[in-house]
Amino acid sequence: MVQAVIDIDEKTNRVLNIVKAKFGLKDKSQAINIVVNEYEQSFLEPELRPEYRTRLAKIMKGKHLSRSAFEKEVQ
């Protein structure tokens, strides 16, 4: 576990208090962990997430058309 002293503004403090109350957490560090995990799942590039690699592996194993075959299918 890493410990850090951070400066946050009043609005951020209120948001962390809301997250803390909503999830019944003991301290703000747990609230920060929840917010960061949610951010990771929502906004980080998919290739950074392990579940994306699993999904990509399934896609790569599937049947694919070449560009010319695709153009023939579309026309």
C-alpha atoms as a PDB file:
ATOM      1  CA  MET A   1       0.000   0.000   0.000  1.00  0.00           C
ATOM      2  CA  VAL A   2       1.224   3.482  -0.880  1.00  0.00           C
ATOM      3  CA  GLN A   3       0.461   6.450   1.333  1.00  0.00           C
ATOM      4  CA  ALA A   4       0.289   9.998   0.023  1.00  0.00           C
ATOM      5  CA  VAL A   5      -0.606  13.421   1.277  1.00  0.00           C
ATOM      6  CA  ILE A   6      -2.691  15.211  -1.358  1.00  0.00           C
ATOM      7  CA  ASP A   7      -4.297  18.630  -1.739  1.00  0.00           C
ATOM      8  CA  ILE A   8      -7.854  18.583  -3.078  1.00  0.00           C
ATOM      9  CA  ASP A   9     -10.291  21.413  -3.598  1.00  0.00           C
ATOM     10  CA  GLU A  10     -13.601  21.755  -1.768  1.00  0.00           C
ATOM     11  CA  LYS A  11     -15.690  20.356  -4.639  1.00  0.00           C
ATOM     12  CA  THR A  12     -13.533  17.227  -4.880  1.00  0.00           C
ATOM     13  CA  ASN A  13     -13.765  16.802  -1.133  1.00  0.00           C
ATOM     14  CA  ARG A  14     -17.579  16.914  -1.312  1.00  0.00           C
ATOM     15  CA  VAL A  15     -17.644  14.372  -4.133  1.00  0.00           C
ATOM     16  CA  LEU A  16     -15.398  12.022  -2.178  1.00  0.00           C
ATOM     17  CA  ASN A  17     -17.672  12.397   0.859  1.00  0.00           C
ATOM     18  CA  ILE A  18     -20.691  11.523  -1.295  1.00  0.00           C
ATOM     19  CA  VAL A  19     -18.944   8.429  -2.714  1.00  0.00           C
ATOM     20  CA  LYS A  20     -17.864   7.456   0.785  1.00  0.00           C
ATOM     21  CA  ALA A  21     -21.436   7.753   2.108  1.00  0.00           C
ATOM     22  CA  LYS A  22     -23.040   6.057  -0.902  1.00  0.00           C
ATOM     23  CA  PHE A  23     -20.890   2.951  -0.616  1.00  0.00           C
ATOM     24  CA  GLY A  24     -20.639   2.956   3.193  1.00  0.00           C
ATOM     25  CA  LEU A  25     -16.869   3.292   3.196  1.00  0.00           C
ATOM     26  CA  LYS A  26     -14.677   3.928   6.223  1.00  0.00           C
ATOM     27  CA  ASP A  27     -12.380   6.585   4.767  1.00  0.00           C
ATOM     28  CA  LYS A  28     -11.726   8.734   1.724  1.00  0.00           C
ATOM     29  CA  SER A  29      -8.893   6.526   0.498  1.00  0.00           C
ATOM     30  CA  GLN A  30     -11.456   3.806  -0.229  1.00  0.00           C
ATOM     31  CA  ALA A  31     -13.585   6.395  -2.037  1.00  0.00           C
ATOM     32  CA  ILE A  32     -10.591   7.440  -4.123  1.00  0.00           C
ATOM     33  CA  ASN A  33      -9.977   3.774  -5.030  1.00  0.00           C
ATOM     34  CA  ILE A  34     -13.577   3.398  -6.225  1.00  0.00           C
ATOM     35  CA  VAL A  35     -13.436   6.594  -8.293  1.00  0.00           C
ATOM     36  CA  VAL A  36     -10.117   5.603  -9.881  1.00  0.00           C
ATOM     37  CA  ASN A  37     -11.337   2.069 -10.677  1.00  0.00           C
ATOM     38  CA  GLU A  38     -14.463   3.492 -12.304  1.00  0.00           C
ATOM     39  CA  TYR A  39     -12.346   5.888 -14.340  1.00  0.00           C
ATOM     40  CA  GLU A  40     -10.092   3.046 -15.436  1.00  0.00           C
ATOM     41  CA  GLN A  41     -13.007   0.966 -16.680  1.00  0.00           C
ATOM     42  CA  SER A  42     -14.736   3.870 -18.400  1.00  0.00           C
ATOM     43  CA  PHE A  43     -12.039   5.996 -19.951  1.00  0.00           C
ATOM     44  CA  LEU A  44      -8.713   4.241 -20.325  1.00  0.00           C
ATOM     45  CA  GLU A  45      -7.818   2.787 -23.665  1.00  0.00           C
ATOM     46  CA  PRO A  46      -9.306  -0.697 -24.077  1.00  0.00           C
ATOM     47  CA  GLU A  47      -5.970  -2.315 -24.899  1.00  0.00           C
ATOM     48  CA  LEU A  48      -4.852  -1.567 -21.353  1.00  0.00           C
ATOM     49  CA  ARG A  49      -7.580  -3.734 -19.859  1.00  0.00           C
ATOM     50  CA  PRO A  50      -7.135  -7.524 -19.633  1.00  0.00           C
ATOM     51  CA  GLU A  51     -10.752  -8.258 -20.626  1.00  0.00           C
ATOM     52  CA  TYR A  52     -10.122  -6.435 -23.910  1.00  0.00           C
ATOM     53  CA  ARG A  53      -7.262  -8.808 -24.706  1.00  0.00           C
ATOM     54  CA  THR A  54      -9.591 -11.776 -24.167  1.00  0.00           C
ATOM     55  CA  ARG A  55     -12.218 -10.203 -26.404  1.00  0.00           C
ATOM     56  CA  LEU A  56      -9.635  -9.389 -29.059  1.00  0.00           C
ATOM     57  CA  ALA A  57      -8.337 -12.965 -29.045  1.00  0.00           C
ATOM     58  CA  LYS A  58     -11.867 -14.226 -29.765  1.00  0.00           C
ATOM     59  CA  ILE A  59     -12.228 -11.727 -32.607  1.00  0.00           C
ATOM     60  CA  MET A  60      -8.902 -12.756 -34.138  1.00  0.00           C
ATOM     61  CA  LYS A  61      -9.927 -16.445 -34.125  1.00  0.00           C
ATOM     62  CA  GLY A  62     -13.130 -15.648 -36.059  1.00  0.00           C
ATOM     63  CA  LYS A  63     -13.740 -15.823 -39.791  1.00  0.00           C
ATOM     64  CA  HIS A  64     -12.594 -12.747 -41.734  1.00  0.00           C
ATOM     65  CA  LEU A  65     -12.971 -11.575 -45.314  1.00  0.00           C
ATOM     66  CA  SER A  66     -10.265  -9.974 -47.413  1.00  0.00           C
ATOM     67  CA  ARG A  67     -10.948  -6.486 -48.692  1.00  0.00           C
ATOM     68  CA  SER A  68     -11.746  -7.714 -52.188  1.00  0.00           C
ATOM     69  CA  ALA A  69     -14.058 -10.426 -50.850  1.00  0.00           C
ATOM     70  CA  PHE A  70     -15.787  -7.850 -48.665  1.00  0.00           C
ATOM     71  CA  GLU A  71     -16.286  -5.501 -51.619  1.00  0.00           C
ATOM     72  CA  LYS A  72     -17.819  -8.369 -53.607  1.00  0.00           C
ATOM     73  CA  GLU A  73     -20.166  -9.135 -50.678  1.00  0.00           C
ATOM     74  CA  VAL A  74     -21.282  -5.519 -50.412  1.00  0.00           C
ATOM     75  CA  GLN A  75     -21.959  -5.013 -54.121  1.00  0.00           C
END
